[in-house]
Amino acid sequence: MRTFARLLLSLTAIVIVLFAAYTWLVMSWSYSDGERAGYVQKLSKKGWLCKTWEGELAIITMPGTVAEKFLFSVRDDAVAQHINQSLGKRVSLTYEEHVGIPTSCFAETSYFVIGIKVIDDPSPIAPAAVQAAPAPPAPQPAAPSQS
């Protein structure tokens, strides 16, 4: 019976170590990274046990079109604070995607924002100057005929 208890304890320890190693690998290696631009609609700290920052970015391609929502998570409190200060402004979020996260305790999404830049709203584009077509050459008076 004692050998069985040791075996069970050893197997449990191995499973815990493997789970921890897998979680560390998934959280430290990013599958992809990039930037998304738009307007942050909300950012809140959520969770029963593991509190995480969860947000939503509205990506608007053209005025009057339906916005695409980009759901993201933030691990760094300083980045979350900067995002909160930028609510209502156009921003560019730099993110990393981590695939295979074993539990939602680490985040509700696989996209982790690691940086933010506020984008100045572009000034209205001035209409291009209309360039007039060149005028046709004036007709030349007919030369007097020599007879």
N, C-alpha and C. Protein backbone atom coordinates (compact mmCIF):
# COMPACT_ATOMS: atom_id res chain seq x y z
N MET A 1 0.83 -1.19 0.00
CA MET A 1 0.00 0.00 0.00
C MET A 1 0.87 1.25 0.00
N ARG A 2 1.99 1.20 0.68
CA ARG A 2 2.89 2.34 0.75
C ARG A 2 3.48 2.66 -0.62
N THR A 3 3.80 1.66 -1.39
CA THR A 3 4.36 1.86 -2.72
C THR A 3 3.33 2.51 -3.64
N PHE A 4 2.07 2.09 -3.50
CA PHE A 4 1.01 2.68 -4.30
C PHE A 4 0.84 4.17 -3.99
N ALA A 5 0.92 4.55 -2.74
CA ALA A 5 0.79 5.95 -2.33
C ALA A 5 1.94 6.78 -2.89
N ARG A 6 3.15 6.22 -2.86
CA ARG A 6 4.31 6.92 -3.42
C ARG A 6 4.16 7.08 -4.93
N LEU A 7 3.70 6.05 -5.58
CA LEU A 7 3.50 6.09 -7.03
C LEU A 7 2.45 7.13 -7.39
N LEU A 8 1.36 7.15 -6.65
CA LEU A 8 0.30 8.12 -6.89
C LEU A 8 0.80 9.55 -6.64
N LEU A 9 1.55 9.76 -5.59
CA LEU A 9 2.12 11.06 -5.28
C LEU A 9 3.11 11.49 -6.36
N SER A 10 3.92 10.56 -6.82
CA SER A 10 4.90 10.87 -7.89
C SER A 10 4.20 11.24 -9.19
N LEU A 11 3.17 10.49 -9.55
CA LEU A 11 2.41 10.78 -10.77
C LEU A 11 1.73 12.14 -10.67
N THR A 12 1.17 12.46 -9.51
CA THR A 12 0.53 13.75 -9.31
C THR A 12 1.54 14.88 -9.44
N ALA A 13 2.71 14.71 -8.87
CA ALA A 13 3.77 15.73 -8.97
C ALA A 13 4.22 15.90 -10.41
N ILE A 14 4.34 14.81 -11.14
CA ILE A 14 4.75 14.89 -12.55
C ILE A 14 3.69 15.63 -13.37
N VAL A 15 2.41 15.34 -13.13
CA VAL A 15 1.33 16.01 -13.86
C VAL A 15 1.33 17.51 -13.56
N ILE A 16 1.53 17.86 -12.31
CA ILE A 16 1.57 19.28 -11.93
C ILE A 16 2.76 19.99 -12.58
N VAL A 17 3.91 19.36 -12.58
CA VAL A 17 5.11 19.96 -13.20
C VAL A 17 4.90 20.10 -14.71
N LEU A 18 4.34 19.08 -15.36
CA LEU A 18 4.09 19.16 -16.80
C LEU A 18 3.07 20.26 -17.13
N PHE A 19 2.02 20.36 -16.32
CA PHE A 19 1.02 21.42 -16.52
C PHE A 19 1.64 22.80 -16.37
N ALA A 20 2.47 22.97 -15.34
CA ALA A 20 3.15 24.25 -15.12
C ALA A 20 4.10 24.57 -16.27
N ALA A 21 4.84 23.58 -16.74
CA ALA A 21 5.78 23.81 -17.86
C ALA A 21 5.02 24.16 -19.14
N TYR A 22 3.92 23.47 -19.41
CA TYR A 22 3.11 23.75 -20.59
C TYR A 22 2.52 25.17 -20.50
N THR A 23 2.00 25.53 -19.34
CA THR A 23 1.42 26.86 -19.16
C THR A 23 2.48 27.93 -19.34
N TRP A 24 3.65 27.74 -18.77
CA TRP A 24 4.75 28.71 -18.93
C TRP A 24 5.12 28.85 -20.40
N LEU A 25 5.22 27.73 -21.12
CA LEU A 25 5.59 27.77 -22.54
C LEU A 25 4.55 28.53 -23.35
N VAL A 26 3.28 28.23 -23.13
CA VAL A 26 2.20 28.88 -23.89
C VAL A 26 2.13 30.37 -23.60
N MET A 27 2.33 30.76 -22.36
CA MET A 27 2.24 32.17 -21.98
C MET A 27 3.48 32.97 -22.37
N SER A 28 4.61 32.32 -22.59
CA SER A 28 5.83 33.06 -22.94
C SER A 28 6.11 33.05 -24.45
N TRP A 29 5.56 32.12 -25.19
CA TRP A 29 5.77 32.04 -26.64
C TRP A 29 4.54 32.56 -27.35
N SER A 30 4.72 33.52 -28.24
CA SER A 30 3.55 34.06 -28.94
C SER A 30 3.43 33.43 -30.33
N TYR A 31 2.23 33.09 -30.67
CA TYR A 31 1.91 32.49 -31.97
C TYR A 31 1.97 33.55 -33.07
N SER A 32 1.44 34.73 -32.77
CA SER A 32 1.46 35.83 -33.73
C SER A 32 1.47 37.14 -32.96
N ASP A 33 1.79 38.21 -33.68
CA ASP A 33 1.72 39.54 -33.08
C ASP A 33 1.33 40.53 -34.15
N GLY A 34 0.88 41.70 -33.73
CA GLY A 34 0.45 42.69 -34.70
C GLY A 34 -0.14 43.91 -34.02
N GLU A 35 -0.82 44.71 -34.81
CA GLU A 35 -1.47 45.92 -34.32
C GLU A 35 -2.88 46.00 -34.87
N ARG A 36 -3.76 46.56 -34.07
CA ARG A 36 -5.13 46.84 -34.49
C ARG A 36 -5.44 48.27 -34.09
N ALA A 37 -6.13 48.98 -34.97
CA ALA A 37 -6.48 50.38 -34.70
C ALA A 37 -7.99 50.52 -34.63
N GLY A 38 -8.42 51.41 -33.73
CA GLY A 38 -9.85 51.66 -33.57
C GLY A 38 -10.09 52.44 -32.30
N TYR A 39 -11.28 52.26 -31.76
CA TYR A 39 -11.70 52.97 -30.55
C TYR A 39 -11.99 51.94 -29.46
N VAL A 40 -11.36 52.09 -28.30
CA VAL A 40 -11.62 51.18 -27.19
C VAL A 40 -13.00 51.51 -26.63
N GLN A 41 -13.88 50.51 -26.64
CA GLN A 41 -15.24 50.72 -26.15
C GLN A 41 -15.35 50.44 -24.67
N LYS A 42 -14.61 49.44 -24.21
CA LYS A 42 -14.68 49.13 -22.79
C LYS A 42 -13.43 48.40 -22.35
N LEU A 43 -13.12 48.55 -21.08
CA LEU A 43 -12.01 47.85 -20.46
C LEU A 43 -12.39 47.66 -19.00
N SER A 44 -12.40 46.42 -18.55
CA SER A 44 -12.78 46.15 -17.17
C SER A 44 -11.97 45.00 -16.61
N LYS A 45 -11.82 45.01 -15.30
CA LYS A 45 -11.13 43.93 -14.61
C LYS A 45 -12.19 42.93 -14.18
N LYS A 46 -12.05 41.67 -14.64
CA LYS A 46 -13.09 40.66 -14.42
C LYS A 46 -12.50 39.41 -13.79
N GLY A 47 -13.38 38.61 -13.25
CA GLY A 47 -13.01 37.29 -12.77
C GLY A 47 -13.37 37.05 -11.33
N TRP A 48 -13.72 35.80 -11.02
CA TRP A 48 -14.04 35.42 -9.65
C TRP A 48 -12.76 35.24 -8.85
N LEU A 49 -11.86 34.44 -9.36
CA LEU A 49 -10.63 34.12 -8.64
C LEU A 49 -9.44 34.85 -9.24
N CYS A 50 -9.28 34.72 -10.54
CA CYS A 50 -8.16 35.35 -11.26
C CYS A 50 -8.70 36.60 -11.95
N LYS A 51 -8.35 37.76 -11.47
CA LYS A 51 -8.80 39.02 -12.07
C LYS A 51 -7.92 39.34 -13.28
N THR A 52 -8.58 39.57 -14.42
CA THR A 52 -7.85 39.95 -15.64
C THR A 52 -8.53 41.15 -16.27
N TRP A 53 -7.75 41.96 -16.96
CA TRP A 53 -8.28 43.09 -17.71
C TRP A 53 -8.79 42.58 -19.05
N GLU A 54 -10.05 42.82 -19.34
CA GLU A 54 -10.67 42.39 -20.59
C GLU A 54 -11.24 43.62 -21.29
N GLY A 55 -10.99 43.73 -22.60
CA GLY A 55 -11.44 44.90 -23.33
C GLY A 55 -12.01 44.59 -24.69
N GLU A 56 -12.53 45.64 -25.30
CA GLU A 56 -13.17 45.53 -26.61
C GLU A 56 -12.79 46.75 -27.43
N LEU A 57 -12.25 46.50 -28.62
CA LEU A 57 -11.84 47.57 -29.53
C LEU A 57 -12.79 47.55 -30.73
N ALA A 58 -13.38 48.69 -31.05
CA ALA A 58 -14.25 48.80 -32.23
C ALA A 58 -13.38 49.24 -33.40
N ILE A 59 -13.32 48.39 -34.41
CA ILE A 59 -12.54 48.69 -35.61
C ILE A 59 -13.51 49.19 -36.66
N ILE A 60 -13.39 50.46 -36.99
CA ILE A 60 -14.30 51.08 -37.96
C ILE A 60 -13.49 51.35 -39.22
N THR A 61 -13.87 50.68 -40.32
CA THR A 61 -13.12 50.85 -41.56
C THR A 61 -13.53 52.11 -42.30
N MET A 62 -14.83 52.38 -42.36
CA MET A 62 -15.33 53.58 -43.02
C MET A 62 -16.52 54.10 -42.21
N PRO A 63 -16.71 55.41 -42.18
CA PRO A 63 -17.88 55.94 -41.47
C PRO A 63 -19.17 55.36 -42.03
N GLY A 64 -20.06 54.99 -41.13
CA GLY A 64 -21.35 54.45 -41.56
C GLY A 64 -21.38 52.94 -41.69
N THR A 65 -20.22 52.26 -41.57
CA THR A 65 -20.21 50.80 -41.66
C THR A 65 -20.29 50.20 -40.26
N VAL A 66 -20.65 48.94 -40.22
CA VAL A 66 -20.73 48.24 -38.94
C VAL A 66 -19.32 47.98 -38.43
N ALA A 67 -19.10 48.28 -37.17
CA ALA A 67 -17.77 48.10 -36.58
C ALA A 67 -17.50 46.63 -36.28
N GLU A 68 -16.26 46.22 -36.52
CA GLU A 68 -15.81 44.88 -36.14
C GLU A 68 -15.27 44.99 -34.72
N LYS A 69 -15.57 44.01 -33.88
CA LYS A 69 -15.10 44.05 -32.50
C LYS A 69 -13.88 43.16 -32.35
N PHE A 70 -12.85 43.70 -31.71
CA PHE A 70 -11.64 42.95 -31.40
C PHE A 70 -11.58 42.81 -29.89
N LEU A 71 -11.76 41.59 -29.40
CA LEU A 71 -11.72 41.33 -27.96
C LEU A 71 -10.29 41.05 -27.55
N PHE A 72 -9.85 41.64 -26.44
CA PHE A 72 -8.46 41.49 -26.02
C PHE A 72 -8.35 41.43 -24.50
N SER A 73 -7.19 41.00 -24.03
CA SER A 73 -6.88 40.93 -22.61
C SER A 73 -5.60 41.72 -22.36
N VAL A 74 -5.43 42.19 -21.13
CA VAL A 74 -4.23 42.95 -20.76
C VAL A 74 -3.71 42.36 -19.46
N ARG A 75 -2.42 42.01 -19.44
CA ARG A 75 -1.80 41.48 -18.23
C ARG A 75 -1.14 42.57 -17.39
N ASP A 76 -0.63 43.59 -18.05
CA ASP A 76 0.13 44.64 -17.37
C ASP A 76 -0.80 45.76 -16.90
N ASP A 77 -0.80 46.04 -15.59
CA ASP A 77 -1.67 47.09 -15.04
C ASP A 77 -1.33 48.47 -15.60
N ALA A 78 -0.05 48.73 -15.91
CA ALA A 78 0.34 50.04 -16.46
C ALA A 78 -0.24 50.23 -17.86
N VAL A 79 -0.24 49.18 -18.67
CA VAL A 79 -0.83 49.26 -20.01
C VAL A 79 -2.34 49.45 -19.89
N ALA A 80 -2.97 48.74 -18.95
CA ALA A 80 -4.41 48.89 -18.74
C ALA A 80 -4.75 50.31 -18.31
N GLN A 81 -3.93 50.91 -17.47
CA GLN A 81 -4.15 52.29 -17.04
C GLN A 81 -4.03 53.25 -18.22
N HIS A 82 -3.05 53.02 -19.08
CA HIS A 82 -2.88 53.87 -20.26
C HIS A 82 -4.07 53.74 -21.21
N ILE A 83 -4.59 52.52 -21.35
CA ILE A 83 -5.78 52.30 -22.19
C ILE A 83 -6.97 53.04 -21.59
N ASN A 84 -7.15 52.95 -20.27
CA ASN A 84 -8.25 53.66 -19.61
C ASN A 84 -8.17 55.16 -19.83
N GLN A 85 -6.97 55.72 -19.85
CA GLN A 85 -6.80 57.15 -20.08
C GLN A 85 -7.08 57.53 -21.53
N SER A 86 -7.05 56.55 -22.43
CA SER A 86 -7.23 56.81 -23.86
C SER A 86 -8.63 56.48 -24.35
N LEU A 87 -9.56 56.17 -23.45
CA LEU A 87 -10.92 55.84 -23.88
C LEU A 87 -11.52 57.00 -24.66
N GLY A 88 -12.18 56.70 -25.76
CA GLY A 88 -12.81 57.72 -26.58
C GLY A 88 -11.90 58.28 -27.66
N LYS A 89 -10.63 57.92 -27.63
CA LYS A 89 -9.69 58.39 -28.65
C LYS A 89 -9.35 57.24 -29.58
N ARG A 90 -8.93 57.58 -30.79
CA ARG A 90 -8.49 56.54 -31.72
C ARG A 90 -7.12 56.06 -31.29
N VAL A 91 -6.96 54.74 -31.18
CA VAL A 91 -5.70 54.18 -30.69
C VAL A 91 -5.26 53.03 -31.58
N SER A 92 -4.00 52.69 -31.45
CA SER A 92 -3.43 51.50 -32.08
C SER A 92 -2.92 50.61 -30.97
N LEU A 93 -3.46 49.40 -30.89
CA LEU A 93 -3.06 48.45 -29.85
C LEU A 93 -2.07 47.44 -30.43
N THR A 94 -0.94 47.27 -29.77
CA THR A 94 0.03 46.25 -30.15
C THR A 94 -0.27 45.02 -29.30
N TYR A 95 -0.39 43.87 -29.97
CA TYR A 95 -0.81 42.66 -29.26
C TYR A 95 0.04 41.46 -29.64
N GLU A 96 -0.03 40.44 -28.78
CA GLU A 96 0.54 39.13 -29.05
C GLU A 96 -0.58 38.11 -28.89
N GLU A 97 -0.59 37.12 -29.77
CA GLU A 97 -1.59 36.05 -29.66
C GLU A 97 -0.92 34.81 -29.06
N HIS A 98 -1.52 34.28 -28.02
CA HIS A 98 -1.03 33.07 -27.37
C HIS A 98 -2.09 31.98 -27.53
N VAL A 99 -1.74 30.94 -28.28
CA VAL A 99 -2.68 29.87 -28.58
C VAL A 99 -2.49 28.72 -27.59
N GLY A 100 -3.58 28.11 -27.16
CA GLY A 100 -3.51 26.93 -26.31
C GLY A 100 -3.45 27.21 -24.84
N ILE A 101 -3.93 28.36 -24.41
CA ILE A 101 -3.94 28.69 -22.98
C ILE A 101 -4.87 27.68 -22.29
N PRO A 102 -4.38 27.00 -21.25
CA PRO A 102 -5.15 25.88 -20.69
C PRO A 102 -6.41 26.25 -19.91
N THR A 103 -6.52 27.48 -19.44
CA THR A 103 -7.70 27.84 -18.65
C THR A 103 -8.02 29.32 -18.84
N SER A 104 -9.27 29.69 -18.63
CA SER A 104 -9.65 31.09 -18.77
C SER A 104 -9.23 31.91 -17.56
N CYS A 105 -8.60 31.30 -16.60
CA CYS A 105 -8.12 32.03 -15.43
C CYS A 105 -7.04 33.03 -15.83
N PHE A 106 -6.28 32.74 -16.90
CA PHE A 106 -5.22 33.64 -17.34
C PHE A 106 -5.77 34.78 -18.18
N ALA A 107 -6.85 34.55 -18.90
CA ALA A 107 -7.50 35.56 -19.73
C ALA A 107 -8.70 34.93 -20.43
N GLU A 108 -9.62 35.79 -20.86
CA GLU A 108 -10.78 35.29 -21.59
C GLU A 108 -10.50 35.18 -23.08
N THR A 109 -9.46 35.85 -23.56
CA THR A 109 -9.11 35.79 -24.98
C THR A 109 -7.69 35.30 -25.13
N SER A 110 -7.30 35.05 -26.36
CA SER A 110 -5.91 34.66 -26.62
C SER A 110 -5.07 35.85 -27.10
N TYR A 111 -5.67 37.04 -27.18
CA TYR A 111 -4.97 38.24 -27.62
C TYR A 111 -4.60 39.10 -26.42
N PHE A 112 -3.30 39.31 -26.21
CA PHE A 112 -2.81 40.07 -25.07
C PHE A 112 -2.19 41.38 -25.57
N VAL A 113 -2.75 42.50 -25.15
CA VAL A 113 -2.24 43.81 -25.54
C VAL A 113 -1.00 44.11 -24.71
N ILE A 114 0.08 44.50 -25.40
CA ILE A 114 1.33 44.80 -24.71
C ILE A 114 1.74 46.26 -24.87
N GLY A 115 1.01 47.02 -25.71
CA GLY A 115 1.33 48.42 -25.90
C GLY A 115 0.18 49.16 -26.56
N ILE A 116 0.21 50.49 -26.43
CA ILE A 116 -0.84 51.32 -26.99
C ILE A 116 -0.24 52.63 -27.48
N LYS A 117 -0.75 53.11 -28.62
CA LYS A 117 -0.38 54.42 -29.15
C LYS A 117 -1.66 55.17 -29.47
N VAL A 118 -1.73 56.42 -29.04
CA VAL A 118 -2.88 57.25 -29.39
C VAL A 118 -2.62 57.80 -30.78
N ILE A 119 -3.62 57.68 -31.65
CA ILE A 119 -3.51 58.17 -33.03
C ILE A 119 -4.26 59.48 -33.12
N ASP A 120 -3.58 60.53 -33.58
CA ASP A 120 -4.25 61.80 -33.79
C ASP A 120 -5.22 61.63 -34.93
N ASP A 121 -6.45 62.10 -34.74
CA ASP A 121 -7.44 62.02 -35.81
C ASP A 121 -6.93 62.83 -36.99
N PRO A 122 -6.93 62.23 -38.16
CA PRO A 122 -6.42 62.95 -39.32
C PRO A 122 -7.32 64.14 -39.66
N SER A 123 -6.68 65.19 -40.16
CA SER A 123 -7.46 66.35 -40.58
C SER A 123 -8.22 65.99 -41.84
N PRO A 124 -9.33 66.65 -42.08
CA PRO A 124 -10.11 66.34 -43.27
C PRO A 124 -9.24 66.49 -44.52
N ILE A 125 -9.40 65.57 -45.41
CA ILE A 125 -8.61 65.60 -46.63
C ILE A 125 -9.14 66.68 -47.55
N ALA A 126 -8.25 67.57 -47.97
CA ALA A 126 -8.65 68.64 -48.88
C ALA A 126 -8.88 68.04 -50.25
N PRO A 127 -9.92 68.49 -50.96
CA PRO A 127 -10.17 67.94 -52.29
C PRO A 127 -8.98 68.26 -53.20
N ALA A 128 -8.67 67.32 -54.02
CA ALA A 128 -7.55 67.52 -54.94
C ALA A 128 -7.87 68.67 -55.88
N ALA A 129 -6.87 69.47 -56.16
CA ALA A 129 -7.07 70.61 -57.07
C ALA A 129 -7.42 70.08 -58.45
N VAL A 130 -8.46 70.64 -59.00
CA VAL A 130 -8.88 70.23 -60.33
C VAL A 130 -7.98 70.94 -61.33
N GLN A 131 -7.32 70.15 -62.11
CA GLN A 131 -6.39 70.72 -63.07
C GLN A 131 -7.11 70.83 -64.40
N ALA A 132 -7.12 72.04 -64.94
CA ALA A 132 -7.80 72.26 -66.21
C ALA A 132 -6.99 71.62 -67.32
N ALA A 133 -7.73 71.11 -68.30
CA ALA A 133 -7.06 70.53 -69.46
C ALA A 133 -6.45 71.67 -70.27
N PRO A 134 -5.31 71.43 -70.87
CA PRO A 134 -4.69 72.50 -71.65
C PRO A 134 -5.59 72.90 -72.82
N ALA A 135 -5.64 74.19 -73.07
CA ALA A 135 -6.48 74.71 -74.16
C ALA A 135 -5.85 74.31 -75.50
N PRO A 136 -6.72 74.02 -76.45
CA PRO A 136 -6.16 73.68 -77.78
C PRO A 136 -5.48 74.91 -78.36
N PRO A 137 -4.49 74.70 -79.21
CA PRO A 137 -3.79 75.86 -79.79
C PRO A 137 -4.74 76.71 -80.62
N ALA A 138 -4.52 78.01 -80.57
CA ALA A 138 -5.35 78.94 -81.33
C ALA A 138 -5.11 78.72 -82.82
N PRO A 139 -6.18 78.86 -83.62
CA PRO A 139 -5.98 78.66 -85.06
C PRO A 139 -5.08 79.78 -85.62
N GLN A 140 -4.22 79.42 -86.48
CA GLN A 140 -3.31 80.35 -87.12
C GLN A 140 -4.02 80.99 -88.31
N PRO A 141 -3.86 82.32 -88.46
CA PRO A 141 -4.47 82.92 -89.65
C PRO A 141 -3.84 82.34 -90.92
N ALA A 142 -4.66 82.22 -91.90
CA ALA A 142 -4.18 81.64 -93.16
C ALA A 142 -3.18 82.61 -93.82
N ALA A 143 -2.15 82.02 -94.30
CA ALA A 143 -1.11 82.83 -94.95
C ALA A 143 -1.65 83.32 -96.30
N PRO A 144 -1.32 84.57 -96.66
CA PRO A 144 -1.78 85.07 -97.97
C PRO A 144 -1.20 84.22 -99.09
N SER A 145 -2.02 83.95 -100.03
CA SER A 145 -1.55 83.11 -101.13
C SER A 145 -0.78 83.94 -102.13
N GLN A 146 0.16 83.38 -102.70
CA GLN A 146 1.01 84.08 -103.66
C GLN A 146 0.60 83.65 -105.06
N SER A 147 0.13 84.61 -105.83
CA SER A 147 -0.25 84.28 -107.19
C SER A 147 0.53 85.07 -108.18
